[in-house]
């Protein structure tokens, strides 16, 4: 499928984003992540090799164990090693946890805003994965990654502009117009920056496209059905997580319309939405 030009950032948008990033580097994907992805992709992954890969990055492994032992996994006993986690959770879940860990390690988890973004990201990722089981043509892995990465550009903006969190929160209530407001104030926006990071981390092309278009008014302008579904999943899970994180936030008409667009695209039943909401809540809290 060849994407129409409007599906990806324009040359001007990319130039603005690179200008914004001057003086800083686009966070590089850790070598351990690349090696882990290559090993897990093999027909018969070598568990001992996976252990060696993760043992080479102690900070990453420590972060992963912290996440695994958090309330979001609801495990009855503490996990003390990556090998134990692999046996209990499986390779695909381990890969997801390591990806979250790498992002946190690379982009930071020290300010209140960073903590909020990670709570939202984990909630969206878990909720997106839950929804994917009810959407034809969407893999749980793609949905999880799209939910996890869709707002990472916000962390990049906050590093340069500490006042950004207020604008971000307002953007949750006005999800369509927020990108224009960010571009006016900062010269770029978190969707373009998220697209750049996702491409830099070699995420699937359709996930990158979905991240860039996650605030689009209507999915109908996107031709690719998988991308449309991923965008809709992001719209639904982000709205759900925002309501949990900011219960007093007043959502605008455009927020309601954007959410309705996601519902209409996916046509998800009540049971699936309830299961999604439960997963988002696990991640957020």
Protein backbone atom coordinates (compact mmCIF):
# COMPACT_ATOMS: atom_id res chain seq x y z
CA UNK A 1 0.00 0.00 0.00
CA UNK A 2 1.34 3.40 -0.98
CA UNK A 3 0.36 6.07 1.51
CA UNK A 4 -1.07 9.33 0.27
CA UNK A 5 1.23 12.30 1.07
CA UNK A 6 -1.00 13.68 3.85
CA UNK A 7 -0.57 10.46 5.84
CA UNK A 8 3.01 11.36 6.77
CA UNK A 9 4.69 14.57 7.99
CA UNK A 10 5.41 17.07 5.24
CA UNK A 11 8.96 18.16 4.48
CA UNK A 12 8.23 21.46 6.25
CA UNK A 13 6.97 19.65 9.37
CA UNK A 14 10.03 17.43 9.49
CA UNK A 15 12.33 20.43 9.04
CA UNK A 16 10.58 22.23 11.90
CA UNK A 17 10.89 19.14 14.09
CA UNK A 18 14.61 18.75 13.35
CA UNK A 19 15.12 22.46 14.09
CA UNK A 20 13.36 21.95 17.42
CA UNK A 21 15.69 19.07 18.20
CA UNK A 22 18.87 21.09 17.51
CA UNK A 23 21.18 20.86 20.48
CA UNK A 24 19.62 17.56 21.53
CA UNK A 25 19.74 14.12 20.01
CA UNK A 26 16.80 11.97 19.07
CA UNK A 27 17.02 9.27 21.74
CA UNK A 28 18.66 6.19 20.25
CA UNK A 29 17.20 2.74 20.72
CA UNK A 30 19.38 0.75 23.15
CA UNK A 31 21.50 -1.95 21.55
CA UNK A 32 19.96 -4.50 23.91
CA UNK A 33 16.51 -3.81 22.44
CA UNK A 34 17.71 -4.40 18.88
CA UNK A 35 19.46 -7.61 19.87
CA UNK A 36 16.41 -8.78 21.83
CA UNK A 37 14.06 -8.09 18.91
CA UNK A 38 16.30 -10.04 16.55
CA UNK A 39 16.49 -13.02 18.89
CA UNK A 40 12.75 -13.14 19.66
CA UNK A 41 11.96 -12.90 15.93
CA UNK A 42 13.80 -16.19 15.30
CA UNK A 43 11.76 -19.34 14.76
CA UNK A 44 13.33 -20.85 17.87
CA UNK A 45 14.58 -18.09 20.20
CA UNK A 46 17.44 -19.04 22.51
CA UNK A 47 16.38 -18.25 26.08
CA UNK A 48 19.96 -18.32 27.34
CA UNK A 49 20.94 -15.81 24.63
CA UNK A 50 18.06 -13.56 25.68
CA UNK A 51 19.31 -13.75 29.25
CA UNK A 52 22.80 -12.75 28.14
CA UNK A 53 21.45 -9.80 26.13
CA UNK A 54 19.52 -8.41 29.06
CA UNK A 55 22.30 -9.12 31.53
CA UNK A 56 24.48 -6.79 29.45
CA UNK A 57 22.23 -3.86 30.42
CA UNK A 58 21.73 -4.00 34.17
CA UNK A 59 19.78 -0.73 34.36
CA UNK A 60 17.34 -1.92 31.69
CA UNK A 61 16.85 -5.27 33.39
CA UNK A 62 16.29 -3.56 36.74
CA UNK A 63 13.68 -1.24 35.27
CA UNK A 64 11.95 -4.21 33.63
CA UNK A 65 11.74 -6.11 36.92
CA UNK A 66 10.34 -3.02 38.63
CA UNK A 67 7.54 -2.84 36.05
CA UNK A 68 6.85 -6.58 36.18
CA UNK A 69 6.49 -6.41 39.97
CA UNK A 70 4.19 -3.39 39.82
CA UNK A 71 0.47 -3.57 40.52
CA UNK A 72 -0.36 -3.48 36.79
CA UNK A 73 0.74 -7.11 36.43
CA UNK A 74 -1.09 -8.28 39.54
CA UNK A 75 1.34 -11.14 40.19
CA UNK A 76 0.90 -13.11 43.38
CA UNK A 77 4.63 -13.32 44.04
CA UNK A 78 7.69 -11.21 43.41
CA UNK A 79 9.79 -11.92 40.31
CA UNK A 80 13.51 -11.78 41.06
CA UNK A 81 15.09 -12.42 37.67
CA UNK A 82 14.54 -11.90 33.96
CA UNK A 83 14.75 -15.65 33.34
CA UNK A 84 11.99 -16.20 35.88
CA UNK A 85 9.92 -13.46 34.21
CA UNK A 86 10.43 -15.06 30.80
CA UNK A 87 9.20 -18.44 31.99
CA UNK A 88 6.18 -16.95 33.74
CA UNK A 89 5.11 -14.23 31.29
CA UNK A 90 6.36 -15.46 27.92
CA UNK A 91 8.64 -13.82 25.37
CA UNK A 92 6.10 -11.45 23.82
CA UNK A 93 5.10 -9.92 27.16
CA UNK A 94 8.77 -9.71 28.16
CA UNK A 95 9.48 -7.85 24.91
CA UNK A 96 6.72 -5.35 25.72
CA UNK A 97 8.05 -4.77 29.22
CA UNK A 98 11.59 -4.28 27.97
CA UNK A 99 10.36 -1.74 25.43
CA UNK A 100 8.58 0.25 28.15
CA UNK A 101 11.71 0.04 30.29
CA UNK A 102 13.93 1.28 27.47
CA UNK A 103 11.66 4.25 26.80
CA UNK A 104 11.57 5.24 30.47
CA UNK A 105 15.31 4.84 30.78
CA UNK A 106 15.93 6.92 27.64
CA UNK A 107 13.36 9.70 28.06
CA UNK A 108 13.31 9.94 31.83
CA UNK A 109 10.88 9.32 34.67
CA UNK A 110 11.76 12.00 37.20
CA UNK A 111 9.33 14.92 36.80
CA UNK A 112 5.63 14.70 37.73
CA UNK A 113 4.75 15.21 34.07
CA UNK A 114 6.96 12.31 32.97
CA UNK A 115 5.30 10.09 35.56
CA UNK A 116 1.87 11.10 34.26
CA UNK A 117 2.83 10.41 30.66
CA UNK A 118 4.18 6.96 31.52
CA UNK A 119 1.05 6.10 33.47
CA UNK A 120 -1.05 7.15 30.51
CA UNK A 121 1.22 5.35 28.02
CA UNK A 122 1.13 2.09 29.92
CA UNK A 123 -2.64 2.33 30.33
CA UNK A 124 -3.11 3.07 26.63
CA UNK A 125 -0.78 0.24 25.64
CA UNK A 126 -2.59 -2.34 27.76
CA UNK A 127 -6.00 -1.03 26.68
CA UNK A 128 -4.99 -1.00 23.01
CA UNK A 129 -3.79 -4.58 23.25
CA UNK A 130 -7.12 -5.59 24.81
CA UNK A 131 -9.09 -3.87 22.04
CA UNK A 132 -6.97 -5.46 19.32
CA UNK A 133 -8.49 -8.87 20.02
CA UNK A 134 -11.80 -7.49 18.78
CA UNK A 135 -10.46 -5.78 15.64
CA UNK A 136 -9.74 -7.75 12.48
CA UNK A 137 -6.29 -7.26 11.00
CA UNK A 138 -4.69 -5.68 14.08
CA UNK A 139 -2.00 -7.59 15.94
CA UNK A 140 -1.82 -7.20 19.73
CA UNK A 141 1.85 -6.23 19.37
CA UNK A 142 1.14 -3.38 16.92
CA UNK A 143 -1.71 -2.08 19.07
CA UNK A 144 0.41 -2.22 22.22
CA UNK A 145 3.32 -0.35 20.61
CA UNK A 146 1.03 2.31 19.10
CA UNK A 147 -0.60 2.92 22.49
CA UNK A 148 2.76 3.05 24.23
CA UNK A 149 4.49 5.41 21.81
CA UNK A 150 1.69 7.74 20.74
CA UNK A 151 2.51 10.54 23.21
CA UNK A 152 6.29 10.18 23.65
CA UNK A 153 6.79 13.39 21.67
CA UNK A 154 5.28 15.23 24.64
CA UNK A 155 8.24 14.17 26.76
CA UNK A 156 10.63 15.66 24.23
CA UNK A 157 8.81 19.01 24.28
CA UNK A 158 8.77 19.14 28.08
CA UNK A 159 12.55 18.76 28.19
CA UNK A 160 12.89 22.14 26.45
CA UNK A 161 9.75 23.84 27.74
CA UNK A 162 8.90 23.11 31.40
CA UNK A 163 5.60 25.00 31.01
CA UNK A 164 4.39 22.49 28.42
CA UNK A 165 2.40 20.19 30.79
CA UNK A 166 -0.40 22.76 31.10
CA UNK A 167 -0.77 22.92 27.33
CA UNK A 168 -0.69 19.13 27.09
CA UNK A 169 -3.48 18.75 29.65
CA UNK A 170 -5.62 21.27 27.77
CA UNK A 171 -4.87 19.31 24.61
CA UNK A 172 -6.50 16.20 26.07
CA UNK A 173 -9.74 18.18 26.27
CA UNK A 174 -9.19 19.54 22.74
CA UNK A 175 -7.44 16.63 20.96
CA UNK A 176 -7.85 17.90 17.38
CA UNK A 177 -6.78 21.53 17.74
CA UNK A 178 -3.97 20.79 20.20
CA UNK A 179 -1.37 20.10 17.48
CA UNK A 180 -1.96 23.46 15.79
CA UNK A 181 -1.60 25.18 19.18
CA UNK A 182 1.66 23.36 19.91
CA UNK A 183 3.09 24.16 16.48
CA UNK A 184 2.18 27.82 16.92
CA UNK A 185 3.94 27.99 20.28
CA UNK A 186 6.90 25.63 19.79
CA UNK A 187 7.34 25.36 16.04
CA UNK A 188 6.45 21.65 16.06
CA UNK A 189 4.14 19.28 17.91
CA UNK A 190 4.28 16.03 19.81
CA UNK A 191 2.75 13.97 16.97
CA UNK A 192 5.55 14.85 14.55
CA UNK A 193 8.20 14.33 17.22
CA UNK A 194 6.60 11.00 18.14
CA UNK A 195 6.70 9.98 14.49
CA UNK A 196 10.40 10.82 14.31
CA UNK A 197 11.22 8.82 17.44
CA UNK A 198 9.13 5.87 16.28
CA UNK A 199 10.94 5.82 12.93
CA UNK A 200 14.29 6.17 14.69
CA UNK A 201 13.42 3.16 16.85
CA UNK A 202 12.52 1.18 13.71
CA UNK A 203 8.88 0.65 14.64
CA UNK A 204 6.53 -0.74 11.96
CA UNK A 205 5.65 1.88 9.33
CA UNK A 206 1.92 1.67 9.99
CA UNK A 207 2.45 2.27 13.70
CA UNK A 208 4.53 5.36 12.88
CA UNK A 209 1.77 6.65 10.57
CA UNK A 210 -0.86 6.04 13.25
CA UNK A 211 1.17 7.98 15.82
CA UNK A 212 1.45 10.96 13.47
CA UNK A 213 -2.30 10.88 12.74
CA UNK A 214 -3.49 10.07 16.25
CA UNK A 215 -5.18 13.49 16.61
CA UNK A 216 -6.82 13.53 13.19
CA UNK A 217 -10.43 14.74 13.16
CA UNK A 218 -11.78 11.85 11.10
CA UNK A 219 -10.18 8.54 10.19
CA UNK A 220 -12.11 8.54 6.91
CA UNK A 221 -9.34 10.49 5.17
CA UNK A 222 -6.89 7.62 5.79
CA UNK A 223 -6.98 4.94 3.10
CA UNK A 224 -5.18 2.11 4.88
CA UNK A 225 -7.61 0.10 7.05
CA UNK A 226 -4.96 -1.06 9.53
CA UNK A 227 -3.75 2.49 10.12
CA UNK A 228 -7.33 3.69 10.56
CA UNK A 229 -7.95 1.00 13.16
CA UNK A 230 -4.77 1.82 15.07
CA UNK A 231 -5.66 5.53 15.13
CA UNK A 232 -9.15 4.70 16.41
CA UNK A 233 -7.72 2.47 19.12
CA UNK A 234 -5.44 5.31 20.23
CA UNK A 235 -8.35 7.76 20.30
CA UNK A 236 -10.45 5.49 22.50
CA UNK A 237 -7.72 4.44 24.92
CA UNK A 238 -6.30 7.95 25.30
CA UNK A 239 -9.73 9.37 26.13
CA UNK A 240 -10.23 6.59 28.67
CA UNK A 241 -6.86 7.15 30.35
CA UNK A 242 -7.31 10.95 30.37
CA UNK A 243 -10.60 10.64 32.22
CA UNK A 244 -8.92 8.44 34.84
CA UNK A 245 -5.87 10.66 35.26
CA UNK A 246 -7.77 13.97 35.22
CA UNK A 247 -11.29 13.25 36.54
CA UNK A 248 -12.15 16.97 36.75
CA UNK A 249 -11.13 17.78 33.19
CA UNK A 250 -13.94 19.16 31.01
CA UNK A 251 -13.84 17.61 27.56
CA UNK A 252 -14.80 19.74 24.57
CA UNK A 253 -17.19 18.93 21.75
CA UNK A 254 -14.21 18.11 19.52
CA UNK A 255 -13.06 15.55 22.10
CA UNK A 256 -16.48 13.90 22.02
CA UNK A 257 -16.52 13.96 18.22
CA UNK A 258 -13.02 12.48 18.01
CA UNK A 259 -14.01 9.69 20.41
CA UNK A 260 -17.19 9.02 18.43
CA UNK A 261 -15.11 8.76 15.26
CA UNK A 262 -13.04 6.04 16.90
CA UNK A 263 -16.15 4.15 18.03
CA UNK A 264 -17.72 4.34 14.58
CA UNK A 265 -14.56 3.07 12.91
CA UNK A 266 -14.19 0.01 15.14
CA UNK A 267 -17.81 -0.75 16.17
CA UNK A 268 -16.74 -2.31 19.48
CA UNK A 269 -19.32 -3.88 21.80
CA UNK A 270 -19.79 -3.00 25.46
CA UNK A 271 -17.99 -6.05 26.83
CA UNK A 272 -14.86 -5.26 24.80
CA UNK A 273 -14.91 -1.65 25.95
CA UNK A 274 -15.28 -2.72 29.57
CA UNK A 275 -12.33 -5.11 29.23
CA UNK A 276 -10.29 -2.32 27.64
CA UNK A 277 -11.18 0.12 30.42
CA UNK A 278 -10.09 -2.39 33.07
CA UNK A 279 -6.72 -2.80 31.37
CA UNK A 280 -6.24 0.98 31.06
CA UNK A 281 -6.99 1.33 34.76
CA UNK A 282 -4.37 -1.30 35.60
CA UNK A 283 -1.73 0.60 33.66
CA UNK A 284 -2.70 4.07 34.87
CA UNK A 285 -2.69 3.15 38.54
